PDB file of N, CA and C in Angstrom:
ATOM      1  N   MET A   1      20.250 -30.162  -0.620  1.00  0.00           N
ATOM      2  CA  MET A   1      21.070 -29.013  -0.340  1.00  0.00           C
ATOM      3  C   MET A   1      20.297 -27.701  -0.534  1.00  0.00           C
ATOM      4  N   ALA A   2      19.374 -27.689  -1.492  1.00  0.00           N
ATOM      5  CA  ALA A   2      18.619 -26.468  -1.759  1.00  0.00           C
ATOM      6  C   ALA A   2      17.725 -26.098  -0.582  1.00  0.00           C
ATOM      7  N   GLY A   3      17.239 -27.103   0.158  1.00  0.00           N
ATOM      8  CA  GLY A   3      16.391 -26.825   1.310  1.00  0.00           C
ATOM      9  C   GLY A   3      17.121 -26.041   2.381  1.00  0.00           C
ATOM     10  N   ILE A   4      18.391 -26.344   2.578  1.00  0.00           N
ATOM     11  CA  ILE A   4      19.188 -25.632   3.579  1.00  0.00           C
ATOM     12  C   ILE A   4      19.401 -24.184   3.143  1.00  0.00           C
ATOM     13  N   GLU A   5      19.675 -23.971   1.871  1.00  0.00           N
ATOM     14  CA  GLU A   5      19.881 -22.611   1.372  1.00  0.00           C
ATOM     15  C   GLU A   5      18.609 -21.771   1.511  1.00  0.00           C
ATOM     16  N   TYR A   6      17.462 -22.367   1.205  1.00  0.00           N
ATOM     17  CA  TYR A   6      16.201 -21.649   1.373  1.00  0.00           C
ATOM     18  C   TYR A   6      15.944 -21.335   2.843  1.00  0.00           C
ATOM     19  N   SER A   7      16.247 -22.280   3.721  1.00  0.00           N
ATOM     20  CA  SER A   7      16.048 -22.062   5.156  1.00  0.00           C
ATOM     21  C   SER A   7      16.920 -20.920   5.651  1.00  0.00           C
ATOM     22  N   ILE A   8      18.168 -20.883   5.209  1.00  0.00           N
ATOM     23  CA  ILE A   8      19.069 -19.806   5.621  1.00  0.00           C
ATOM     24  C   ILE A   8      18.554 -18.460   5.109  1.00  0.00           C
ATOM     25  N   ALA A   9      18.071 -18.420   3.876  1.00  0.00           N
ATOM     26  CA  ALA A   9      17.546 -17.178   3.316  1.00  0.00           C
ATOM     27  C   ALA A   9      16.309 -16.713   4.078  1.00  0.00           C
ATOM     28  N   ILE A  10      15.424 -17.629   4.419  1.00  0.00           N
ATOM     29  CA  ILE A  10      14.202 -17.267   5.149  1.00  0.00           C
ATOM     30  C   ILE A  10      14.535 -16.783   6.550  1.00  0.00           C
ATOM     31  N   ILE A  11      15.430 -17.480   7.235  1.00  0.00           N
ATOM     32  CA  ILE A  11      15.823 -17.068   8.586  1.00  0.00           C
ATOM     33  C   ILE A  11      16.516 -15.706   8.541  1.00  0.00           C
ATOM     34  N   GLY A  12      17.378 -15.492   7.547  1.00  0.00           N
ATOM     35  CA  GLY A  12      18.030 -14.190   7.398  1.00  0.00           C
ATOM     36  C   GLY A  12      17.027 -13.077   7.166  1.00  0.00           C
ATOM     37  N   PHE A  13      16.024 -13.348   6.330  1.00  0.00           N
ATOM     38  CA  PHE A  13      14.984 -12.355   6.069  1.00  0.00           C
ATOM     39  C   PHE A  13      14.201 -12.036   7.342  1.00  0.00           C
ATOM     40  N   LEU A  14      13.863 -13.062   8.118  1.00  0.00           N
ATOM     41  CA  LEU A  14      13.122 -12.832   9.360  1.00  0.00           C
ATOM     42  C   LEU A  14      13.941 -12.016  10.352  1.00  0.00           C
ATOM     43  N   ILE A  15      15.227 -12.325  10.470  1.00  0.00           N
ATOM     44  CA  ILE A  15      16.088 -11.564  11.383  1.00  0.00           C
ATOM     45  C   ILE A  15      16.182 -10.109  10.927  1.00  0.00           C
ATOM     46  N   LEU A  16      16.374  -9.891   9.630  1.00  0.00           N
ATOM     47  CA  LEU A  16      16.437  -8.530   9.101  1.00  0.00           C
ATOM     48  C   LEU A  16      15.126  -7.783   9.349  1.00  0.00           C
ATOM     49  N   SER A  17      13.998  -8.455   9.180  1.00  0.00           N
ATOM     50  CA  SER A  17      12.695  -7.825   9.422  1.00  0.00           C
ATOM     51  C   SER A  17      12.535  -7.422  10.879  1.00  0.00           C
ATOM     52  N   ILE A  18      12.979  -8.280  11.788  1.00  0.00           N
ATOM     53  CA  ILE A  18      12.885  -7.967  13.217  1.00  0.00           C
ATOM     54  C   ILE A  18      13.781  -6.785  13.566  1.00  0.00           C
ATOM     55  N   VAL A  19      14.987  -6.749  13.019  1.00  0.00           N
ATOM     56  CA  VAL A  19      15.911  -5.644  13.297  1.00  0.00           C
ATOM     57  C   VAL A  19      15.348  -4.327  12.764  1.00  0.00           C
ATOM     58  N   VAL A  20      14.855  -4.329  11.534  1.00  0.00           N
ATOM     59  CA  VAL A  20      14.290  -3.108  10.955  1.00  0.00           C
ATOM     60  C   VAL A  20      13.059  -2.664  11.742  1.00  0.00           C
ATOM     61  N   GLY A  21      12.204  -3.591  12.125  1.00  0.00           N
ATOM     62  CA  GLY A  21      11.022  -3.251  12.914  1.00  0.00           C
ATOM     63  C   GLY A  21      11.371  -2.667  14.270  1.00  0.00           C
ATOM     64  N   THR A  22      12.382  -3.233  14.921  1.00  0.00           N
ATOM     65  CA  THR A  22      12.810  -2.727  16.225  1.00  0.00           C
ATOM     66  C   THR A  22      13.382  -1.320  16.104  1.00  0.00           C
ATOM     67  N   LEU A  23      14.238  -1.102  15.117  1.00  0.00           N
ATOM     68  CA  LEU A  23      14.814   0.232  14.928  1.00  0.00           C
ATOM     69  C   LEU A  23      13.747   1.257  14.555  1.00  0.00           C
ATOM     70  N   THR A  24      12.806   0.863  13.728  1.00  0.00           N
ATOM     71  CA  THR A  24      11.736   1.776  13.335  1.00  0.00           C
ATOM     72  C   THR A  24      10.864   2.146  14.525  1.00  0.00           C
ATOM     73  N   SER A  25      10.562   1.176  15.380  1.00  0.00           N
ATOM     74  CA  SER A  25       9.723   1.481  16.543  1.00  0.00           C
ATOM     75  C   SER A  25      10.429   2.433  17.496  1.00  0.00           C
ATOM     76  N   ARG A  26      11.747   2.354  17.577  1.00  0.00           N
ATOM     77  CA  ARG A  26      12.486   3.296  18.431  1.00  0.00           C
ATOM     78  C   ARG A  26      12.507   4.692  17.821  1.00  0.00           C
ATOM     79  N   LEU A  27      12.627   4.774  16.501  1.00  0.00           N
ATOM     80  CA  LEU A  27      12.655   6.081  15.846  1.00  0.00           C
ATOM     81  C   LEU A  27      11.301   6.781  15.899  1.00  0.00           C
ATOM     82  N   VAL A  28      10.241   6.011  15.890  1.00  0.00           N
ATOM     83  CA  VAL A  28       8.901   6.585  15.898  1.00  0.00           C
ATOM     84  C   VAL A  28       8.507   7.039  17.294  1.00  0.00           C
ATOM     85  N   LYS A  29       9.226   6.593  18.286  1.00  0.00           N
ATOM     86  CA  LYS A  29       8.998   6.968  19.687  1.00  0.00           C
ATOM     87  C   LYS A  29       7.633   6.508  20.179  1.00  0.00           C
ATOM     88  N   LYS A  30       7.280   5.291  19.850  1.00  0.00           N
ATOM     89  CA  LYS A  30       6.076   4.628  20.371  1.00  0.00           C
ATOM     90  C   LYS A  30       4.771   5.349  20.031  1.00  0.00           C
ATOM     91  N   SER A  31       4.740   6.091  18.958  1.00  0.00           N
ATOM     92  CA  SER A  31       3.522   6.780  18.557  1.00  0.00           C
ATOM     93  C   SER A  31       3.033   6.212  17.230  1.00  0.00           C
ATOM     94  N   SER A  32       1.982   5.422  17.271  1.00  0.00           N
ATOM     95  CA  SER A  32       1.480   4.818  16.037  1.00  0.00           C
ATOM     96  C   SER A  32       0.883   5.872  15.107  1.00  0.00           C
ATOM     97  N   LYS A  33       0.306   6.924  15.666  1.00  0.00           N
ATOM     98  CA  LYS A  33      -0.255   7.979  14.824  1.00  0.00           C
ATOM     99  C   LYS A  33       0.862   8.678  14.051  1.00  0.00           C
ATOM    100  N   ARG A  34       1.955   8.945  14.714  1.00  0.00           N
ATOM    101  CA  ARG A  34       3.091   9.585  14.045  1.00  0.00           C
ATOM    102  C   ARG A  34       3.650   8.676  12.957  1.00  0.00           C
ATOM    103  N   TYR A  35       3.667   7.386  13.204  1.00  0.00           N
ATOM    104  CA  TYR A  35       4.168   6.433  12.214  1.00  0.00           C
ATOM    105  C   TYR A  35       3.256   6.388  10.994  1.00  0.00           C
ATOM    106  N   MET A  36       1.957   6.346  11.201  1.00  0.00           N
ATOM    107  CA  MET A  36       1.015   6.187  10.097  1.00  0.00           C
ATOM    108  C   MET A  36       0.950   7.419   9.195  1.00  0.00           C
ATOM    109  N   ILE A  37       1.123   8.608   9.746  1.00  0.00           N
ATOM    110  CA  ILE A  37       1.033   9.820   8.926  1.00  0.00           C
ATOM    111  C   ILE A  37       2.388  10.488   8.743  1.00  0.00           C
ATOM    112  N   ALA A  38       3.467   9.811   9.112  1.00  0.00           N
ATOM    113  CA  ALA A  38       4.843  10.293   8.920  1.00  0.00           C
ATOM    114  C   ALA A  38       5.062  11.656   9.550  1.00  0.00           C
ATOM    115  N   GLY A  39       4.464  11.883  10.692  1.00  0.00           N
ATOM    116  CA  GLY A  39       4.652  13.146  11.386  1.00  0.00           C
ATOM    117  C   GLY A  39       4.125  14.350  10.624  1.00  0.00           C
ATOM    118  N   LYS A  40       3.199  14.129   9.723  1.00  0.00           N
ATOM    119  CA  LYS A  40       2.611  15.177   8.870  1.00  0.00           C
ATOM    120  C   LYS A  40       3.687  15.954   8.114  1.00  0.00           C
ATOM    121  N   SER A  41       4.737  15.261   7.694  1.00  0.00           N
ATOM    122  CA  SER A  41       5.841  15.948   7.028  1.00  0.00           C
ATOM    123  C   SER A  41       6.022  15.531   5.570  1.00  0.00           C
ATOM    124  N   LEU A  42       5.117  14.740   5.022  1.00  0.00           N
ATOM    125  CA  LEU A  42       5.252  14.322   3.628  1.00  0.00           C
ATOM    126  C   LEU A  42       4.736  15.419   2.699  1.00  0.00           C
ATOM    127  N   PRO A  43       5.480  15.719   1.633  1.00  0.00           N
ATOM    128  CA  PRO A  43       4.999  16.729   0.685  1.00  0.00           C
ATOM    129  C   PRO A  43       3.794  16.227  -0.109  1.00  0.00           C
ATOM    130  N   LEU A  44       2.995  17.162  -0.574  1.00  0.00           N
ATOM    131  CA  LEU A  44       1.770  16.825  -1.298  1.00  0.00           C
ATOM    132  C   LEU A  44       2.059  15.994  -2.541  1.00  0.00           C
ATOM    133  N   PHE A  45       3.125  16.318  -3.277  1.00  0.00           N
ATOM    134  CA  PHE A  45       3.460  15.572  -4.484  1.00  0.00           C
ATOM    135  C   PHE A  45       3.734  14.107  -4.158  1.00  0.00           C
ATOM    136  N   PHE A  46       4.434  13.856  -3.069  1.00  0.00           N
ATOM    137  CA  PHE A  46       4.767  12.490  -2.668  1.00  0.00           C
ATOM    138  C   PHE A  46       3.509  11.708  -2.290  1.00  0.00           C
ATOM    139  N   VAL A  47       2.630  12.322  -1.533  1.00  0.00           N
ATOM    140  CA  VAL A  47       1.384  11.661  -1.132  1.00  0.00           C
ATOM    141  C   VAL A  47       0.506  11.399  -2.350  1.00  0.00           C
ATOM    142  N   GLY A  48       0.401  12.372  -3.243  1.00  0.00           N
ATOM    143  CA  GLY A  48      -0.387  12.185  -4.457  1.00  0.00           C
ATOM    144  C   GLY A  48       0.150  11.071  -5.336  1.00  0.00           C
ATOM    145  N   THR A  49       1.473  10.981  -5.437  1.00  0.00           N
ATOM    146  CA  THR A  49       2.086   9.917  -6.223  1.00  0.00           C
ATOM    147  C   THR A  49       1.802   8.553  -5.612  1.00  0.00           C
ATOM    148  N   MET A  50       1.876   8.452  -4.286  1.00  0.00           N
ATOM    149  CA  MET A  50       1.581   7.171  -3.622  1.00  0.00           C
ATOM    150  C   MET A  50       0.135   6.755  -3.846  1.00  0.00           C
ATOM    151  N   LEU A  51      -0.791   7.686  -3.715  1.00  0.00           N
ATOM    152  CA  LEU A  51      -2.205   7.356  -3.908  1.00  0.00           C
ATOM    153  C   LEU A  51      -2.490   6.965  -5.353  1.00  0.00           C
ATOM    154  N   ALA A  52      -1.858   7.638  -6.301  1.00  0.00           N
ATOM    155  CA  ALA A  52      -2.047   7.283  -7.711  1.00  0.00           C
ATOM    156  C   ALA A  52      -1.490   5.899  -8.000  1.00  0.00           C
ATOM    157  N   ALA A  53      -0.340   5.582  -7.427  1.00  0.00           N
ATOM    158  CA  ALA A  53       0.255   4.262  -7.646  1.00  0.00           C
ATOM    159  C   ALA A  53      -0.626   3.160  -7.076  1.00  0.00           C
ATOM    160  N   GLN A  54      -1.252   3.415  -5.935  1.00  0.00           N
ATOM    161  CA  GLN A  54      -2.141   2.415  -5.346  1.00  0.00           C
ATOM    162  C   GLN A  54      -3.382   2.205  -6.198  1.00  0.00           C
ATOM    163  N   SER A  55      -3.880   3.254  -6.794  1.00  0.00           N
ATOM    164  CA  SER A  55      -5.122   3.110  -7.555  1.00  0.00           C
ATOM    165  C   SER A  55      -4.894   2.626  -8.982  1.00  0.00           C
ATOM    166  N   ILE A  56      -3.657   2.655  -9.464  1.00  0.00           N
ATOM    167  CA  ILE A  56      -3.385   2.236 -10.838  1.00  0.00           C
ATOM    168  C   ILE A  56      -2.487   1.004 -10.846  1.00  0.00           C
ATOM    169  N   ASP A  57      -2.572   0.173  -9.863  1.00  0.00           N
ATOM    170  CA  ASP A  57      -1.743  -1.036  -9.860  1.00  0.00           C
ATOM    171  C   ASP A  57      -2.306  -2.062 -10.844  1.00  0.00           C
ATOM    172  N   GLY A  58      -1.547  -3.099 -11.095  1.00  0.00           N
ATOM    173  CA  GLY A  58      -1.949  -4.107 -12.074  1.00  0.00           C
ATOM    174  C   GLY A  58      -3.228  -4.828 -11.707  1.00  0.00           C
ATOM    175  N   ASN A  59      -3.424  -5.067 -10.427  1.00  0.00           N
ATOM    176  CA  ASN A  59      -4.611  -5.794  -9.985  1.00  0.00           C
ATOM    177  C   ASN A  59      -5.883  -5.018 -10.313  1.00  0.00           C
ATOM    178  N   SER A  60      -5.895  -3.732 -10.010  1.00  0.00           N
ATOM    179  CA  SER A  60      -7.120  -2.977 -10.276  1.00  0.00           C
ATOM    180  C   SER A  60      -7.322  -2.754 -11.768  1.00  0.00           C
ATOM    181  N   SER A  61      -6.246  -2.546 -12.503  1.00  0.00           N
ATOM    182  CA  SER A  61      -6.390  -2.341 -13.951  1.00  0.00           C
ATOM    183  C   SER A  61      -6.918  -3.592 -14.640  1.00  0.00           C
ATOM    184  N   LEU A  62      -6.294  -4.722 -14.374  1.00  0.00           N
ATOM    185  CA  LEU A  62      -6.749  -5.971 -14.991  1.00  0.00           C
ATOM    186  C   LEU A  62      -8.106  -6.399 -14.445  1.00  0.00           C
ATOM    187  N   GLY A  63      -8.327  -6.165 -13.156  1.00  0.00           N
ATOM    188  CA  GLY A  63      -9.611  -6.522 -12.563  1.00  0.00           C
ATOM    189  C   GLY A  63     -10.751  -5.722 -13.153  1.00  0.00           C
ATOM    190  N   ASN A  64     -10.529  -4.418 -13.365  1.00  0.00           N
ATOM    191  CA  ASN A  64     -11.575  -3.593 -13.969  1.00  0.00           C
ATOM    192  C   ASN A  64     -11.841  -3.990 -15.411  1.00  0.00           C
ATOM    193  N   ALA A  65     -10.799  -4.311 -16.145  1.00  0.00           N
ATOM    194  CA  ALA A  65     -11.000  -4.758 -17.531  1.00  0.00           C
ATOM    195  C   ALA A  65     -11.819  -6.043 -17.562  1.00  0.00           C
ATOM    196  N   SER A  66     -11.555  -6.923 -16.634  1.00  0.00           N
ATOM    197  CA  SER A  66     -12.309  -8.173 -16.556  1.00  0.00           C
ATOM    198  C   SER A  66     -13.772  -7.920 -16.188  1.00  0.00           C
ATOM    199  N   LEU A  67     -13.997  -7.012 -15.232  1.00  0.00           N
ATOM    200  CA  LEU A  67     -15.376  -6.687 -14.850  1.00  0.00           C
ATOM    201  C   LEU A  67     -16.149  -6.074 -16.012  1.00  0.00           C
ATOM    202  N   VAL A  68     -15.517  -5.155 -16.729  1.00  0.00           N
ATOM    203  CA  VAL A  68     -16.185  -4.520 -17.868  1.00  0.00           C
ATOM    204  C   VAL A  68     -16.512  -5.553 -18.932  1.00  0.00           C
ATOM    205  N   TYR A  69     -15.594  -6.435 -19.196  1.00  0.00           N
ATOM    206  CA  TYR A  69     -15.822  -7.460 -20.214  1.00  0.00           C
ATOM    207  C   TYR A  69     -16.950  -8.404 -19.798  1.00  0.00           C
ATOM    208  N   SER A  70     -16.970  -8.792 -18.520  1.00  0.00           N
ATOM    209  CA  SER A  70     -17.949  -9.778 -18.060  1.00  0.00           C
ATOM    210  C   SER A  70     -19.328  -9.192 -17.788  1.00  0.00           C
ATOM    211  N   TYR A  71     -19.378  -8.000 -17.158  1.00  0.00           N
ATOM    212  CA  TYR A  71     -20.658  -7.503 -16.653  1.00  0.00           C
ATOM    213  C   TYR A  71     -21.090  -6.151 -17.212  1.00  0.00           C
ATOM    214  N   GLY A  72     -20.257  -5.505 -17.994  1.00  0.00           N
ATOM    215  CA  GLY A  72     -20.641  -4.217 -18.554  1.00  0.00           C
ATOM    216  C   GLY A  72     -19.851  -3.063 -17.962  1.00  0.00           C
ATOM    217  N   PHE A  73     -20.034  -1.902 -18.584  1.00  0.00           N
ATOM    218  CA  PHE A  73     -19.235  -0.727 -18.251  1.00  0.00           C
ATOM    219  C   PHE A  73     -19.367  -0.293 -16.800  1.00  0.00           C
ATOM    220  N   TRP A  74     -20.593  -0.186 -16.290  1.00  0.00           N
ATOM    221  CA  TRP A  74     -20.791   0.404 -14.971  1.00  0.00           C
ATOM    222  C   TRP A  74     -20.252  -0.459 -13.841  1.00  0.00           C
ATOM    223  N   SER A  75     -20.174  -1.753 -14.040  1.00  0.00           N
ATOM    224  CA  SER A  75     -19.582  -2.587 -12.985  1.00  0.00           C
ATOM    225  C   SER A  75     -18.084  -2.324 -12.868  1.00  0.00           C
ATOM    226  N   GLY A  76     -17.418  -2.050 -13.979  1.00  0.00           N
ATOM    227  CA  GLY A  76     -16.000  -1.721 -13.925  1.00  0.00           C
ATOM    228  C   GLY A  76     -15.747  -0.282 -13.525  1.00  0.00           C
ATOM    229  N   ALA A  77     -16.653   0.614 -13.871  1.00  0.00           N
ATOM    230  CA  ALA A  77     -16.485   2.029 -13.548  1.00  0.00           C
ATOM    231  C   ALA A  77     -16.807   2.334 -12.095  1.00  0.00           C
ATOM    232  N   SER A  78     -17.538   1.459 -11.428  1.00  0.00           N
ATOM    233  CA  SER A  78     -17.925   1.741 -10.045  1.00  0.00           C
ATOM    234  C   SER A  78     -16.724   1.760  -9.101  1.00  0.00           C
ATOM    235  N   ILE A  79     -15.704   0.963  -9.379  1.00  0.00           N
ATOM    236  CA  ILE A  79     -14.535   0.932  -8.494  1.00  0.00           C
ATOM    237  C   ILE A  79     -13.751   2.246  -8.555  1.00  0.00           C
ATOM    238  N   PRO A  80     -13.375   2.760  -9.729  1.00  0.00           N
ATOM    239  CA  PRO A  80     -12.659   4.044  -9.742  1.00  0.00           C
ATOM    240  C   PRO A  80     -13.499   5.212  -9.231  1.00  0.00           C
ATOM    241  N   ILE A  81     -14.793   5.186  -9.501  1.00  0.00           N
ATOM    242  CA  ILE A  81     -15.655   6.254  -8.998  1.00  0.00           C
ATOM    243  C   ILE A  81     -15.714   6.203  -7.476  1.00  0.00           C
ATOM    244  N   GLY A  82     -15.865   5.011  -6.919  1.00  0.00           N
ATOM    245  CA  GLY A  82     -15.868   4.864  -5.466  1.00  0.00           C
ATOM    246  C   GLY A  82     -14.541   5.260  -4.848  1.00  0.00           C
ATOM    247  N   LEU A  83     -13.441   4.913  -5.517  1.00  0.00           N
ATOM    248  CA  LEU A  83     -12.122   5.297  -5.022  1.00  0.00           C
ATOM    249  C   LEU A  83     -11.969   6.812  -5.012  1.00  0.00           C
ATOM    250  N   ALA A  84     -12.423   7.469  -6.058  1.00  0.00           N
ATOM    251  CA  ALA A  84     -12.330   8.930  -6.114  1.00  0.00           C
ATOM    252  C   ALA A  84     -13.137   9.574  -4.993  1.00  0.00           C
ATOM    253  N   ILE A  85     -14.319   9.057  -4.726  1.00  0.00           N
ATOM    254  CA  ILE A  85     -15.145   9.596  -3.642  1.00  0.00           C
ATOM    255  C   ILE A  85     -14.462   9.387  -2.295  1.00  0.00           C
ATOM    256  N   CYS A  86     -13.898   8.194  -2.083  1.00  0.00           N
ATOM    257  CA  CYS A  86     -13.208   7.909  -0.817  1.00  0.00           C
ATOM    258  C   CYS A  86     -11.999   8.811  -0.619  1.00  0.00           C
ATOM    259  N   LEU A  87     -11.213   9.018  -1.682  1.00  0.00           N
ATOM    260  CA  LEU A  87     -10.042   9.888  -1.561  1.00  0.00           C
ATOM    261  C   LEU A  87     -10.455  11.326  -1.275  1.00  0.00           C
ATOM    262  N   PHE A  88     -11.534  11.783  -1.898  1.00  0.00           N
ATOM    263  CA  PHE A  88     -12.016  13.135  -1.633  1.00  0.00           C
ATOM    264  C   PHE A  88     -12.472  13.278  -0.185  1.00  0.00           C
ATOM    265  N   LEU A  89     -13.243  12.306   0.295  1.00  0.00           N
ATOM    266  CA  LEU A  89     -13.728  12.376   1.674  1.00  0.00           C
ATOM    267  C   LEU A  89     -12.586  12.274   2.680  1.00  0.00           C
ATOM    268  N   THR A  90     -11.590  11.448   2.377  1.00  0.00           N
ATOM    269  CA  THR A  90     -10.439  11.332   3.269  1.00  0.00           C
ATOM    270  C   THR A  90      -9.673  12.649   3.325  1.00  0.00           C
ATOM    271  N   GLY A  91      -9.502  13.293   2.187  1.00  0.00           N
ATOM    272  CA  GLY A  91      -8.797  14.573   2.167  1.00  0.00           C
ATOM    273  C   GLY A  91      -9.603  15.694   2.798  1.00  0.00           C
ATOM    274  N   ALA A  92     -10.924  15.622   2.693  1.00  0.00           N
ATOM    275  CA  ALA A  92     -11.773  16.681   3.231  1.00  0.00           C
ATOM    276  C   ALA A  92     -11.880  16.630   4.747  1.00  0.00           C
ATOM    277  N   PHE A  93     -11.778  15.434   5.310  1.00  0.00           N
ATOM    278  CA  PHE A  93     -11.939  15.316   6.757  1.00  0.00           C
ATOM    279  C   PHE A  93     -10.675  14.814   7.373  1.00  0.00           C
TER     280      PHE A  93
END
């Protein structure tokens, strides 16, 4: 019986995903650039918060701690330093 319930949940999720994707594509008016940058209408605080959340997620925090423990300080520090350089270059250009 549990297999049927899981199947119904998965099919429902897929249908919901298709409906949301279809509605979103109509709202974006077929412009992938507008979709990716939100029409250049996001406030700076919101964008900064999103970028900070991406760089401080559990995977990078635990991964860096593991790298530092296994290989030394600079192997763990290279990822945040590289991320900072990439974010600066992305914002500059």
